[in-house]
Amino acid sequence: MHEVSLAGGILRIAEDAARRERFSRVSTLRLEAGRFAGVEVRALRFALETLAPGTCLEGARIHIDEPPGRAWCMPCGGEVEIQQRTDPCPRCRSHQLHPTGGTELRVVDMTVQD
């Protein structure tokens, strides 16, 4: 379950920001976990909630957006949305796709309190 180590990294980002920006608590944490990021969102949420007590994330509302996968199709040159990496281009049905989005896991923003 690599979501626990991912949650630890997210917690470090929040705690580093709290020290640097001098806030004590995060009230809302918004993340993005792309469809192809290889992250089980429910497990990540559980891991964050488990690690949060005693940290700046304690009591924070956690929102995790799941943007769809995106790819560039080499034959037709289109940027398309795909549900799975093995999907063909919805325009020309080619499988010559280069992923361009949906692979990221990132902290989008935090609402903080002093």
PDB file of N, CA and C in Angstrom:
ATOM      1  N   MET A   1       0.853  -1.175   0.000  1.00  0.00           N
ATOM      2  CA  MET A   1       0.000   0.000   0.000  1.00  0.00           C
ATOM      3  C   MET A   1       0.901   1.240   0.000  1.00  0.00           C
ATOM      4  N   HIS A   2       1.285   1.685  -1.181  1.00  0.00           N
ATOM      5  CA  HIS A   2       2.175   2.835  -1.280  1.00  0.00           C
ATOM      6  C   HIS A   2       1.473   4.150  -0.953  1.00  0.00           C
ATOM      7  N   GLU A   3       0.161   4.131  -0.793  1.00  0.00           N
ATOM      8  CA  GLU A   3      -0.575   5.345  -0.446  1.00  0.00           C
ATOM      9  C   GLU A   3      -0.144   5.906   0.908  1.00  0.00           C
ATOM     10  N   VAL A   4       0.320   5.044   1.819  1.00  0.00           N
ATOM     11  CA  VAL A   4       0.794   5.513   3.123  1.00  0.00           C
ATOM     12  C   VAL A   4       2.050   6.370   2.936  1.00  0.00           C
ATOM     13  N   SER A   5       2.977   5.934   2.091  1.00  0.00           N
ATOM     14  CA  SER A   5       4.176   6.746   1.857  1.00  0.00           C
ATOM     15  C   SER A   5       3.823   8.019   1.094  1.00  0.00           C
ATOM     16  N   LEU A   6       2.854   7.956   0.179  1.00  0.00           N
ATOM     17  CA  LEU A   6       2.404   9.167  -0.517  1.00  0.00           C
ATOM     18  C   LEU A   6       1.780  10.145   0.481  1.00  0.00           C
ATOM     19  N   ALA A   7       0.968   9.626   1.394  1.00  0.00           N
ATOM     20  CA  ALA A   7       0.352  10.476   2.417  1.00  0.00           C
ATOM     21  C   ALA A   7       1.430  11.110   3.293  1.00  0.00           C
ATOM     22  N   GLY A   8       2.468  10.367   3.612  1.00  0.00           N
ATOM     23  CA  GLY A   8       3.578  10.913   4.396  1.00  0.00           C
ATOM     24  C   GLY A   8       4.263  12.057   3.664  1.00  0.00           C
ATOM     25  N   GLY A   9       4.434  11.920   2.359  1.00  0.00           N
ATOM     26  CA  GLY A   9       5.027  12.983   1.564  1.00  0.00           C
ATOM     27  C   GLY A   9       4.141  14.222   1.510  1.00  0.00           C
ATOM     28  N   ILE A  10       2.844  14.019   1.397  1.00  0.00           N
ATOM     29  CA  ILE A  10       1.899  15.140   1.388  1.00  0.00           C
ATOM     30  C   ILE A  10       1.915  15.836   2.745  1.00  0.00           C
ATOM     31  N   LEU A  11       1.963  15.065   3.815  1.00  0.00           N
ATOM     32  CA  LEU A  11       2.046  15.645   5.155  1.00  0.00           C
ATOM     33  C   LEU A  11       3.318  16.479   5.303  1.00  0.00           C
ATOM     34  N   ARG A  12       4.447  15.982   4.793  1.00  0.00           N
ATOM     35  CA  ARG A  12       5.704  16.743   4.856  1.00  0.00           C
ATOM     36  C   ARG A  12       5.582  18.064   4.095  1.00  0.00           C
ATOM     37  N   ILE A  13       4.924  18.040   2.951  1.00  0.00           N
ATOM     38  CA  ILE A  13       4.717  19.270   2.177  1.00  0.00           C
ATOM     39  C   ILE A  13       3.924  20.268   3.009  1.00  0.00           C
ATOM     40  N   ALA A  14       2.842  19.803   3.643  1.00  0.00           N
ATOM     41  CA  ALA A  14       2.006  20.689   4.466  1.00  0.00           C
ATOM     42  C   ALA A  14       2.771  21.209   5.676  1.00  0.00           C
ATOM     43  N   GLU A  15       3.510  20.348   6.350  1.00  0.00           N
ATOM     44  CA  GLU A  15       4.255  20.769   7.534  1.00  0.00           C
ATOM     45  C   GLU A  15       5.394  21.731   7.166  1.00  0.00           C
ATOM     46  N   ASP A  16       6.061  21.487   6.052  1.00  0.00           N
ATOM     47  CA  ASP A  16       7.110  22.406   5.597  1.00  0.00           C
ATOM     48  C   ASP A  16       6.508  23.779   5.285  1.00  0.00           C
ATOM     49  N   ALA A  17       5.363  23.781   4.622  1.00  0.00           N
ATOM     50  CA  ALA A  17       4.689  25.048   4.311  1.00  0.00           C
ATOM     51  C   ALA A  17       4.258  25.756   5.590  1.00  0.00           C
ATOM     52  N   ALA A  18       3.795  25.005   6.592  1.00  0.00           N
ATOM     53  CA  ALA A  18       3.373  25.602   7.866  1.00  0.00           C
ATOM     54  C   ALA A  18       4.554  26.285   8.556  1.00  0.00           C
ATOM     55  N   ARG A  19       5.717  25.648   8.550  1.00  0.00           N
ATOM     56  CA  ARG A  19       6.905  26.265   9.154  1.00  0.00           C
ATOM     57  C   ARG A  19       7.334  27.499   8.365  1.00  0.00           C
ATOM     58  N   ARG A  20       7.368  27.366   7.061  1.00  0.00           N
ATOM     59  CA  ARG A  20       7.847  28.454   6.205  1.00  0.00           C
ATOM     60  C   ARG A  20       6.895  29.658   6.218  1.00  0.00           C
ATOM     61  N   GLU A  21       5.601  29.396   6.170  1.00  0.00           N
ATOM     62  CA  GLU A  21       4.593  30.464   6.072  1.00  0.00           C
ATOM     63  C   GLU A  21       3.980  30.842   7.423  1.00  0.00           C
ATOM     64  N   ARG A  22       4.384  30.140   8.475  1.00  0.00           N
ATOM     65  CA  ARG A  22       3.951  30.416   9.849  1.00  0.00           C
ATOM     66  C   ARG A  22       2.433  30.332  10.049  1.00  0.00           C
ATOM     67  N   PHE A  23       1.873  29.205   9.664  1.00  0.00           N
ATOM     68  CA  PHE A  23       0.482  28.926  10.018  1.00  0.00           C
ATOM     69  C   PHE A  23       0.452  27.658  10.845  1.00  0.00           C
ATOM     70  N   SER A  24      -0.632  27.471  11.586  1.00  0.00           N
ATOM     71  CA  SER A  24      -0.676  26.331  12.501  1.00  0.00           C
ATOM     72  C   SER A  24      -1.554  25.183  12.013  1.00  0.00           C
ATOM     73  N   ARG A  25      -2.494  25.501  11.155  1.00  0.00           N
ATOM     74  CA  ARG A  25      -3.455  24.468  10.802  1.00  0.00           C
ATOM     75  C   ARG A  25      -3.928  24.626   9.365  1.00  0.00           C
ATOM     76  N   VAL A  26      -4.140  23.483   8.715  1.00  0.00           N
ATOM     77  CA  VAL A  26      -4.743  23.439   7.385  1.00  0.00           C
ATOM     78  C   VAL A  26      -6.213  23.096   7.591  1.00  0.00           C
ATOM     79  N   SER A  27      -7.101  23.944   7.096  1.00  0.00           N
ATOM     80  CA  SER A  27      -8.524  23.629   7.237  1.00  0.00           C
ATOM     81  C   SER A  27      -9.042  22.855   6.024  1.00  0.00           C
ATOM     82  N   THR A  28      -8.482  23.135   4.854  1.00  0.00           N
ATOM     83  CA  THR A  28      -8.868  22.400   3.644  1.00  0.00           C
ATOM     84  C   THR A  28      -7.625  22.091   2.834  1.00  0.00           C
ATOM     85  N   LEU A  29      -7.515  20.843   2.422  1.00  0.00           N
ATOM     86  CA  LEU A  29      -6.410  20.389   1.580  1.00  0.00           C
ATOM     87  C   LEU A  29      -7.015  19.860   0.290  1.00  0.00           C
ATOM     88  N   ARG A  30      -6.572  20.399  -0.846  1.00  0.00           N
ATOM     89  CA  ARG A  30      -7.099  19.925  -2.126  1.00  0.00           C
ATOM     90  C   ARG A  30      -5.968  19.310  -2.927  1.00  0.00           C
ATOM     91  N   LEU A  31      -6.187  18.066  -3.323  1.00  0.00           N
ATOM     92  CA  LEU A  31      -5.209  17.290  -4.081  1.00  0.00           C
ATOM     93  C   LEU A  31      -5.775  16.932  -5.442  1.00  0.00           C
ATOM     94  N   GLU A  32      -4.885  16.575  -6.349  1.00  0.00           N
ATOM     95  CA  GLU A  32      -5.252  16.023  -7.637  1.00  0.00           C
ATOM     96  C   GLU A  32      -4.531  14.704  -7.795  1.00  0.00           C
ATOM     97  N   ALA A  33      -5.293  13.645  -8.047  1.00  0.00           N
ATOM     98  CA  ALA A  33      -4.724  12.325  -8.305  1.00  0.00           C
ATOM     99  C   ALA A  33      -5.284  11.859  -9.638  1.00  0.00           C
ATOM    100  N   GLY A  34      -4.498  12.029 -10.691  1.00  0.00           N
ATOM    101  CA  GLY A  34      -4.953  11.675 -12.029  1.00  0.00           C
ATOM    102  C   GLY A  34      -5.329  10.212 -12.145  1.00  0.00           C
ATOM    103  N   ARG A  35      -6.202   9.955 -13.096  1.00  0.00           N
ATOM    104  CA  ARG A  35      -6.709   8.598 -13.308  1.00  0.00           C
ATOM    105  C   ARG A  35      -5.582   7.587 -13.530  1.00  0.00           C
ATOM    106  N   PHE A  36      -4.474   8.024 -14.120  1.00  0.00           N
ATOM    107  CA  PHE A  36      -3.368   7.110 -14.408  1.00  0.00           C
ATOM    108  C   PHE A  36      -2.201   7.261 -13.441  1.00  0.00           C
ATOM    109  N   ALA A  37      -2.427   7.907 -12.312  1.00  0.00           N
ATOM    110  CA  ALA A  37      -1.349   8.128 -11.337  1.00  0.00           C
ATOM    111  C   ALA A  37      -1.029   6.866 -10.533  1.00  0.00           C
ATOM    112  N   GLY A  38      -1.858   5.864 -10.619  1.00  0.00           N
ATOM    113  CA  GLY A  38      -1.612   4.636  -9.862  1.00  0.00           C
ATOM    114  C   GLY A  38      -1.904   4.783  -8.383  1.00  0.00           C
ATOM    115  N   VAL A  39      -2.842   5.677  -8.050  1.00  0.00           N
ATOM    116  CA  VAL A  39      -3.180   5.946  -6.659  1.00  0.00           C
ATOM    117  C   VAL A  39      -4.613   5.496  -6.386  1.00  0.00           C
ATOM    118  N   GLU A  40      -4.781   4.719  -5.336  1.00  0.00           N
ATOM    119  CA  GLU A  40      -6.120   4.347  -4.876  1.00  0.00           C
ATOM    120  C   GLU A  40      -6.583   5.482  -3.968  1.00  0.00           C
ATOM    121  N   VAL A  41      -7.531   6.268  -4.460  1.00  0.00           N
ATOM    122  CA  VAL A  41      -7.941   7.490  -3.778  1.00  0.00           C
ATOM    123  C   VAL A  41      -8.501   7.214  -2.384  1.00  0.00           C
ATOM    124  N   ARG A  42      -9.311   6.193  -2.227  1.00  0.00           N
ATOM    125  CA  ARG A  42      -9.862   5.881  -0.900  1.00  0.00           C
ATOM    126  C   ARG A  42      -8.753   5.520   0.084  1.00  0.00           C
ATOM    127  N   ALA A  43      -7.763   4.779  -0.375  1.00  0.00           N
ATOM    128  CA  ALA A  43      -6.646   4.394   0.494  1.00  0.00           C
ATOM    129  C   ALA A  43      -5.794   5.623   0.846  1.00  0.00           C
ATOM    130  N   LEU A  44      -5.607   6.530  -0.107  1.00  0.00           N
ATOM    131  CA  LEU A  44      -4.848   7.750   0.167  1.00  0.00           C
ATOM    132  C   LEU A  44      -5.576   8.607   1.198  1.00  0.00           C
ATOM    133  N   ARG A  45      -6.876   8.761   1.039  1.00  0.00           N
ATOM    134  CA  ARG A  45      -7.664   9.535   2.005  1.00  0.00           C
ATOM    135  C   ARG A  45      -7.561   8.909   3.399  1.00  0.00           C
ATOM    136  N   PHE A  46      -7.693   7.599   3.480  1.00  0.00           N
ATOM    137  CA  PHE A  46      -7.597   6.896   4.762  1.00  0.00           C
ATOM    138  C   PHE A  46      -6.220   7.109   5.388  1.00  0.00           C
ATOM    139  N   ALA A  47      -5.170   7.001   4.570  1.00  0.00           N
ATOM    140  CA  ALA A  47      -3.804   7.187   5.083  1.00  0.00           C
ATOM    141  C   ALA A  47      -3.608   8.610   5.596  1.00  0.00           C
ATOM    142  N   LEU A  48      -4.103   9.601   4.876  1.00  0.00           N
ATOM    143  CA  LEU A  48      -3.987  10.989   5.327  1.00  0.00           C
ATOM    144  C   LEU A  48      -4.727  11.203   6.643  1.00  0.00           C
ATOM    145  N   GLU A  49      -5.930  10.657   6.743  1.00  0.00           N
ATOM    146  CA  GLU A  49      -6.705  10.811   7.972  1.00  0.00           C
ATOM    147  C   GLU A  49      -6.055  10.089   9.144  1.00  0.00           C
ATOM    148  N   THR A  50      -5.359   8.997   8.869  1.00  0.00           N
ATOM    149  CA  THR A  50      -4.675   8.243   9.915  1.00  0.00           C
ATOM    150  C   THR A  50      -3.427   8.978  10.407  1.00  0.00           C
ATOM    151  N   LEU A  51      -2.711   9.631   9.496  1.00  0.00           N
ATOM    152  CA  LEU A  51      -1.483  10.344   9.865  1.00  0.00           C
ATOM    153  C   LEU A  51      -1.742  11.741  10.433  1.00  0.00           C
ATOM    154  N   ALA A  52      -2.915  12.295  10.203  1.00  0.00           N
ATOM    155  CA  ALA A  52      -3.211  13.697  10.534  1.00  0.00           C
ATOM    156  C   ALA A  52      -3.191  14.051  12.023  1.00  0.00           C
ATOM    157  N   PRO A  53      -3.671  13.202  12.949  1.00  0.00           N
ATOM    158  CA  PRO A  53      -3.712  13.624  14.355  1.00  0.00           C
ATOM    159  C   PRO A  53      -2.349  14.094  14.869  1.00  0.00           C
ATOM    160  N   GLY A  54      -2.365  15.267  15.515  1.00  0.00           N
ATOM    161  CA  GLY A  54      -1.147  15.835  16.059  1.00  0.00           C
ATOM    162  C   GLY A  54      -0.322  16.628  15.054  1.00  0.00           C
ATOM    163  N   THR A  55      -0.827  16.785  13.839  1.00  0.00           N
ATOM    164  CA  THR A  55      -0.117  17.536  12.804  1.00  0.00           C
ATOM    165  C   THR A  55      -0.974  18.715  12.349  1.00  0.00           C
ATOM    166  N   CYS A  56      -0.442  19.511  11.442  1.00  0.00           N
ATOM    167  CA  CYS A  56      -1.202  20.647  10.915  1.00  0.00           C
ATOM    168  C   CYS A  56      -2.392  20.205  10.066  1.00  0.00           C
ATOM    169  N   LEU A  57      -2.453  18.930   9.705  1.00  0.00           N
ATOM    170  CA  LEU A  57      -3.582  18.418   8.926  1.00  0.00           C
ATOM    171  C   LEU A  57      -4.725  17.888   9.794  1.00  0.00           C
ATOM    172  N   GLU A  58      -4.536  17.895  11.108  1.00  0.00           N
ATOM    173  CA  GLU A  58      -5.586  17.367  11.985  1.00  0.00           C
ATOM    174  C   GLU A  58      -6.885  18.152  11.782  1.00  0.00           C
ATOM    175  N   GLY A  59      -7.947  17.442  11.471  1.00  0.00           N
ATOM    176  CA  GLY A  59      -9.259  18.047  11.271  1.00  0.00           C
ATOM    177  C   GLY A  59      -9.464  18.672   9.901  1.00  0.00           C
ATOM    178  N   ALA A  60      -8.485  18.602   9.036  1.00  0.00           N
ATOM    179  CA  ALA A  60      -8.603  19.217   7.705  1.00  0.00           C
ATOM    180  C   ALA A  60      -9.611  18.454   6.851  1.00  0.00           C
ATOM    181  N   ARG A  61     -10.364  19.206   6.061  1.00  0.00           N
ATOM    182  CA  ARG A  61     -11.210  18.584   5.032  1.00  0.00           C
ATOM    183  C   ARG A  61     -10.304  18.289   3.859  1.00  0.00           C
ATOM    184  N   ILE A  62     -10.400  17.075   3.360  1.00  0.00           N
ATOM    185  CA  ILE A  62      -9.525  16.642   2.277  1.00  0.00           C
ATOM    186  C   ILE A  62     -10.372  16.410   1.031  1.00  0.00           C
ATOM    187  N   HIS A  63     -10.050  17.152  -0.020  1.00  0.00           N
ATOM    188  CA  HIS A  63     -10.726  17.000  -1.305  1.00  0.00           C
ATOM    189  C   HIS A  63      -9.708  16.435  -2.295  1.00  0.00           C
ATOM    190  N   ILE A  64     -10.079  15.346  -2.950  1.00  0.00           N
ATOM    191  CA  ILE A  64      -9.176  14.742  -3.929  1.00  0.00           C
ATOM    192  C   ILE A  64      -9.899  14.699  -5.273  1.00  0.00           C
ATOM    193  N   ASP A  65      -9.448  15.540  -6.193  1.00  0.00           N
ATOM    194  CA  ASP A  65      -9.995  15.551  -7.548  1.00  0.00           C
ATOM    195  C   ASP A  65      -9.292  14.460  -8.350  1.00  0.00           C
ATOM    196  N   GLU A  66     -10.034  13.855  -9.267  1.00  0.00           N
ATOM    197  CA  GLU A  66      -9.487  12.796 -10.108  1.00  0.00           C
ATOM    198  C   GLU A  66      -9.640  13.178 -11.578  1.00  0.00           C
ATOM    199  N   PRO A  67      -8.710  13.986 -12.102  1.00  0.00           N
ATOM    200  CA  PRO A  67      -8.826  14.372 -13.505  1.00  0.00           C
ATOM    201  C   PRO A  67      -8.675  13.157 -14.419  1.00  0.00           C
ATOM    202  N   PRO A  68      -9.356  13.191 -15.559  1.00  0.00           N
ATOM    203  CA  PRO A  68      -9.286  12.060 -16.487  1.00  0.00           C
ATOM    204  C   PRO A  68      -7.918  11.972 -17.154  1.00  0.00           C
ATOM    205  N   GLY A  69      -7.705  10.837 -17.783  1.00  0.00           N
ATOM    206  CA  GLY A  69      -6.488  10.670 -18.566  1.00  0.00           C
ATOM    207  C   GLY A  69      -6.595  11.455 -19.861  1.00  0.00           C
ATOM    208  N   ARG A  70      -5.480  12.004 -20.300  1.00  0.00           N
ATOM    209  CA  ARG A  70      -5.431  12.742 -21.557  1.00  0.00           C
ATOM    210  C   ARG A  70      -4.245  12.223 -22.356  1.00  0.00           C
ATOM    211  N   ALA A  71      -4.393  12.275 -23.661  1.00  0.00           N
ATOM    212  CA  ALA A  71      -3.317  11.802 -24.529  1.00  0.00           C
ATOM    213  C   ALA A  71      -3.323  12.591 -25.831  1.00  0.00           C
ATOM    214  N   TRP A  72      -2.151  12.631 -26.449  1.00  0.00           N
ATOM    215  CA  TRP A  72      -2.003  13.237 -27.768  1.00  0.00           C
ATOM    216  C   TRP A  72      -1.940  12.102 -28.763  1.00  0.00           C
ATOM    217  N   CYS A  73      -2.771  12.185 -29.795  1.00  0.00           N
ATOM    218  CA  CYS A  73      -2.814  11.150 -30.831  1.00  0.00           C
ATOM    219  C   CYS A  73      -1.853  11.531 -31.947  1.00  0.00           C
ATOM    220  N   MET A  74      -0.887  10.664 -32.225  1.00  0.00           N
ATOM    221  CA  MET A  74       0.105  10.963 -33.253  1.00  0.00           C
ATOM    222  C   MET A  74      -0.504  11.036 -34.658  1.00  0.00           C
ATOM    223  N   PRO A  75      -1.359  10.095 -35.068  1.00  0.00           N
ATOM    224  CA  PRO A  75      -1.900  10.173 -36.425  1.00  0.00           C
ATOM    225  C   PRO A  75      -2.812  11.382 -36.686  1.00  0.00           C
ATOM    226  N   CYS A  76      -3.730  11.692 -35.778  1.00  0.00           N
ATOM    227  CA  CYS A  76      -4.664  12.792 -36.065  1.00  0.00           C
ATOM    228  C   CYS A  76      -4.273  14.099 -35.383  1.00  0.00           C
ATOM    229  N   GLY A  77      -3.276  14.067 -34.497  1.00  0.00           N
ATOM    230  CA  GLY A  77      -2.785  15.282 -33.865  1.00  0.00           C
ATOM    231  C   GLY A  77      -3.703  15.865 -32.806  1.00  0.00           C
ATOM    232  N   GLY A  78      -4.708  15.114 -32.389  1.00  0.00           N
ATOM    233  CA  GLY A  78      -5.663  15.624 -31.408  1.00  0.00           C
ATOM    234  C   GLY A  78      -5.267  15.323 -29.978  1.00  0.00           C
ATOM    235  N   GLU A  79      -5.664  16.224 -29.084  1.00  0.00           N
ATOM    236  CA  GLU A  79      -5.537  16.001 -27.632  1.00  0.00           C
ATOM    237  C   GLU A  79      -6.878  15.411 -27.213  1.00  0.00           C
ATOM    238  N   VAL A  80      -6.873  14.189 -26.677  1.00  0.00           N
ATOM    239  CA  VAL A  80      -8.122  13.481 -26.383  1.00  0.00           C
ATOM    240  C   VAL A  80      -8.159  13.001 -24.940  1.00  0.00           C
ATOM    241  N   GLU A  81      -9.358  12.789 -24.447  1.00  0.00           N
ATOM    242  CA  GLU A  81      -9.563  12.211 -23.124  1.00  0.00           C
ATOM    243  C   GLU A  81      -9.738  10.712 -23.297  1.00  0.00           C
ATOM    244  N   ILE A  82      -9.046   9.957 -22.439  1.00  0.00           N
ATOM    245  CA  ILE A  82      -9.176   8.503 -22.476  1.00  0.00           C
ATOM    246  C   ILE A  82      -9.443   7.983 -21.061  1.00  0.00           C
ATOM    247  N   GLN A  83     -10.163   6.892 -20.991  1.00  0.00           N
ATOM    248  CA  GLN A  83     -10.519   6.300 -19.704  1.00  0.00           C
ATOM    249  C   GLN A  83      -9.462   5.314 -19.219  1.00  0.00           C
ATOM    250  N   GLN A  84      -8.815   4.618 -20.160  1.00  0.00           N
ATOM    251  CA  GLN A  84      -7.772   3.650 -19.830  1.00  0.00           C
ATOM    252  C   GLN A  84      -6.610   3.843 -20.787  1.00  0.00           C
ATOM    253  N   ARG A  85      -5.434   3.465 -20.341  1.00  0.00           N
ATOM    254  CA  ARG A  85      -4.243   3.637 -21.184  1.00  0.00           C
ATOM    255  C   ARG A  85      -4.342   2.863 -22.492  1.00  0.00           C
ATOM    256  N   THR A  86      -5.102   1.794 -22.512  1.00  0.00           N
ATOM    257  CA  THR A  86      -5.210   0.959 -23.710  1.00  0.00           C
ATOM    258  C   THR A  86      -6.311   1.412 -24.659  1.00  0.00           C
ATOM    259  N   ASP A  87      -7.039   2.466 -24.303  1.00  0.00           N
ATOM    260  CA  ASP A  87      -8.108   2.965 -25.177  1.00  0.00           C
ATOM    261  C   ASP A  87      -7.534   3.513 -26.471  1.00  0.00           C
ATOM    262  N   PRO A  88      -8.278   3.339 -27.582  1.00  0.00           N
ATOM    263  CA  PRO A  88      -7.867   3.988 -28.828  1.00  0.00           C
ATOM    264  C   PRO A  88      -8.303   5.454 -28.830  1.00  0.00           C
ATOM    265  N   CYS A  89      -7.782   6.194 -29.761  1.00  0.00           N
ATOM    266  CA  CYS A  89      -8.194   7.579 -29.949  1.00  0.00           C
ATOM    267  C   CYS A  89      -9.684   7.594 -30.301  1.00  0.00           C
ATOM    268  N   PRO A  90     -10.486   8.384 -29.584  1.00  0.00           N
ATOM    269  CA  PRO A  90     -11.920   8.420 -29.890  1.00  0.00           C
ATOM    270  C   PRO A  90     -12.223   9.078 -31.244  1.00  0.00           C
ATOM    271  N   ARG A  91     -11.250   9.783 -31.816  1.00  0.00           N
ATOM    272  CA  ARG A  91     -11.468  10.440 -33.116  1.00  0.00           C
ATOM    273  C   ARG A  91     -11.137   9.524 -34.283  1.00  0.00           C
ATOM    274  N   CYS A  92      -9.931   8.933 -34.263  1.00  0.00           N
ATOM    275  CA  CYS A  92      -9.478   8.160 -35.429  1.00  0.00           C
ATOM    276  C   CYS A  92      -9.271   6.675 -35.141  1.00  0.00           C
ATOM    277  N   ARG A  93      -9.450   6.266 -33.883  1.00  0.00           N
ATOM    278  CA  ARG A  93      -9.338   4.870 -33.428  1.00  0.00           C
ATOM    279  C   ARG A  93      -7.895   4.347 -33.401  1.00  0.00           C
ATOM    280  N   SER A  94      -6.914   5.208 -33.564  1.00  0.00           N
ATOM    281  CA  SER A  94      -5.514   4.801 -33.509  1.00  0.00           C
ATOM    282  C   SER A  94      -5.128   4.487 -32.061  1.00  0.00           C
ATOM    283  N   HIS A  95      -4.148   3.602 -31.922  1.00  0.00           N
ATOM    284  CA  HIS A  95      -3.596   3.292 -30.595  1.00  0.00           C
ATOM    285  C   HIS A  95      -2.232   3.966 -30.391  1.00  0.00           C
ATOM    286  N   GLN A  96      -1.864   4.846 -31.284  1.00  0.00           N
ATOM    287  CA  GLN A  96      -0.589   5.550 -31.174  1.00  0.00           C
ATOM    288  C   GLN A  96      -0.809   6.827 -30.368  1.00  0.00           C
ATOM    289  N   LEU A  97      -0.971   6.627 -29.068  1.00  0.00           N
ATOM    290  CA  LEU A  97      -1.269   7.727 -28.161  1.00  0.00           C
ATOM    291  C   LEU A  97      -0.103   7.964 -27.206  1.00  0.00           C
ATOM    292  N   HIS A  98       0.161   9.231 -26.949  1.00  0.00           N
ATOM    293  CA  HIS A  98       1.195   9.620 -25.991  1.00  0.00           C
ATOM    294  C   HIS A  98       0.495  10.293 -24.806  1.00  0.00           C
ATOM    295  N   PRO A  99       0.541   9.695 -23.598  1.00  0.00           N
ATOM    296  CA  PRO A  99      -0.139  10.301 -22.440  1.00  0.00           C
ATOM    297  C   PRO A  99       0.375  11.714 -22.161  1.00  0.00           C
ATOM    298  N   THR A 100      -0.545  12.640 -21.912  1.00  0.00           N
ATOM    299  CA  THR A 100      -0.182  14.020 -21.603  1.00  0.00           C
ATOM    300  C   THR A 100      -0.778  14.498 -20.290  1.00  0.00           C
ATOM    301  N   GLY A 101      -1.652  13.728 -19.695  1.00  0.00           N
ATOM    302  CA  GLY A 101      -2.266  14.158 -18.444  1.00  0.00           C
ATOM    303  C   GLY A 101      -2.959  13.015 -17.748  1.00  0.00           C
ATOM    304  N   GLY A 102      -3.243  13.239 -16.474  1.00  0.00           N
ATOM    305  CA  GLY A 102      -3.887  12.207 -15.679  1.00  0.00           C
ATOM    306  C   GLY A 102      -2.901  11.307 -14.963  1.00  0.00           C
ATOM    307  N   THR A 103      -1.612  11.642 -15.028  1.00  0.00           N
ATOM    308  CA  THR A 103      -0.591  10.818 -14.376  1.00  0.00           C
ATOM    309  C   THR A 103      -0.049  11.476 -13.111  1.00  0.00           C
ATOM    310  N   GLU A 104      -0.549  12.673 -12.807  1.00  0.00           N
ATOM    311  CA  GLU A 104       0.012  13.464 -11.718  1.00  0.00           C
ATOM    312  C   GLU A 104      -0.668  13.192 -10.381  1.00  0.00           C
ATOM    313  N   LEU A 105       0.112  13.328  -9.341  1.00  0.00           N
ATOM    314  CA  LEU A 105      -0.404  13.429  -7.974  1.00  0.00           C
ATOM    315  C   LEU A 105       0.204  14.710  -7.439  1.00  0.00           C
ATOM    316  N   ARG A 106      -0.656  15.678  -7.092  1.00  0.00           N
ATOM    317  CA  ARG A 106      -0.110  16.957  -6.639  1.00  0.00           C
ATOM    318  C   ARG A 106      -1.014  17.636  -5.636  1.00  0.00           C
ATOM    319  N   VAL A 107      -0.387  18.440  -4.804  1.00  0.00           N
ATOM    320  CA  VAL A 107      -1.122  19.301  -3.884  1.00  0.00           C
ATOM    321  C   VAL A 107      -1.535  20.525  -4.699  1.00  0.00           C
ATOM    322  N   VAL A 108      -2.839  20.762  -4.809  1.00  0.00           N
ATOM    323  CA  VAL A 108      -3.336  21.888  -5.591  1.00  0.00           C
ATOM    324  C   VAL A 108      -3.304  23.145  -4.744  1.00  0.00           C
ATOM    325  N   ASP A 109      -3.920  23.086  -3.554  1.00  0.00           N
ATOM    326  CA  ASP A 109      -3.881  24.226  -2.655  1.00  0.00           C
ATOM    327  C   ASP A 109      -4.313  23.806  -1.253  1.00  0.00           C
ATOM    328  N   MET A 110      -4.092  24.730  -0.329  1.00  0.00           N
ATOM    329  CA  MET A 110      -4.465  24.530   1.070  1.00  0.00           C
ATOM    330  C   MET A 110      -5.095  25.819   1.573  1.00  0.00           C
ATOM    331  N   THR A 111      -6.161  25.681   2.341  1.00  0.00           N
ATOM    332  CA  THR A 111      -6.710  26.809   3.088  1.00  0.00           C
ATOM    333  C   THR A 111      -6.174  26.652   4.498  1.00  0.00           C
ATOM    334  N   VAL A 112      -5.568  27.727   5.026  1.00  0.00           N
ATOM    335  CA  VAL A 112      -4.861  27.614   6.296  1.00  0.00           C
ATOM    336  C   VAL A 112      -5.406  28.604   7.322  1.00  0.00           C
ATOM    337  N   GLN A 113      -5.058  28.339   8.583  1.00  0.00           N
ATOM    338  CA  GLN A 113      -5.407  29.211   9.682  1.00  0.00           C
ATOM    339  C   GLN A 113      -4.152  29.481  10.500  1.00  0.00           C
ATOM    340  N   ASP A 114      -4.112  30.665  11.144  1.00  0.00           N
ATOM    341  CA  ASP A 114      -2.955  30.996  11.988  1.00  0.00           C
ATOM    342  C   ASP A 114      -2.892  30.150  13.220  1.00  0.00           C
TER     343      ASP A 114
END
